[in-house]
């Protein structure tokens, strides 16, 4: 019988040797990222982020404490109501209830850095950091409605600072959160500016507001950071915990499956996900601001690997999520140029000139922005995601088939 034990030990050692010879496919992918000049570790990622420093996170902590320390039930309820997009009538009432809390939020936005990632390098789109810009836009609408447009513009300045602080943190979801909320800021700016649209000095302040918005986040760096975050997540995850029933005892058979079967399979699947992301990075255009080609890079990788053995296990939403993020980036570009063009058109009119089409370029059509005189209002607009001129009108039933519009005058003729 002794020879059976010896044989078992020899076989076990041979299996371990074979398993070790396979190497760690995730580390291999990390090495390939490094060889190709991409970011490959989180330390490299944060080197490009301004959130590091002695005061990192101070702004977020200020806001976090302001929210967590709510004692008054009425304030807590108003805060939650506003966060869930309630009707305008109730919105105005709740804004007054939480106005002191929003004042603390404005002060928090003045901090030089605002770290919003958790230990897993994740950003929660529904977390407290993400709520700030939206709530300040609600406050701005309220202040404009109450006849305080200058105060409303200051509210939006704080909201814009928060958006920038958000996308200054590394990662695709931080960038997505920041630019998505900047779109809301720019939409609110159009409402605020309309409340005092015949004052040339105030219109000029709006122009300066748009012109001084910081550059949008670097697309390439955001996508590289997200690839590294996934790679780190995969390596920290215990394969055994991932597939094993947490309520059942871990047996020797389970351990053997983890080493020789489930573990290697899971590592290969995870490495496959990283490889596809790396291939998409390879196909990104040289210009980090070329958002259309960047979206095409992710979609083309997904199309090329539809028939792969791992295709059913690959999270097919990966390329869709990245493409959507990139398109939101492009939409924010359009809102910036359209709002700037509309304000410049209004200032030209107030100064006695004849409003004319803007020379600014539509990021969707790559031609000049379109211009319409609707009688009561001059409209500058982008053709939007569908790249079709809908006459400066949005189609509410399908947001992907809408023009991106801004204009000033007595009223909107289509409302």
Foldseek 3Di string as FASTA:
>chain_A
DVVVVVVVVVVVVVLLVVLVVVPQLLVVLLVVCVVVPFDRAVVVLCVQFPQDDPCRAVLVVQLVCLLVVDDDPLLVVLVVCLLVDDDPVVLLVSCVVCVVSLVSNLVSLPDPARDQADPLRDHDCSDRLLCNLSSLLSVLLNCLVVPNLVVSVSSLLSSLSSLVNQPSRAALVSLLSSLLSVLVSLVSLLVSCQSVLLDLVVLVVSLVSLVPRDDRDQQLSRLSRHLNSLSVVLVVDQQLVVPPDPVDDQDPVSVVCCSNNSVVVSSVLSSVLSVLSVQLSVQADPRSLLLVSSLVSLVVSLVVCCPPPCNVVHPSCPSVVSSVSSLSVLVSVFSSVQSSLQSVQSSCVSVPHHRDFDCDARSQQRHGWDWDCPPQKIKTWHQAQVRDCPPQAQDVVDNRRGIGMHIYGDDDVVD
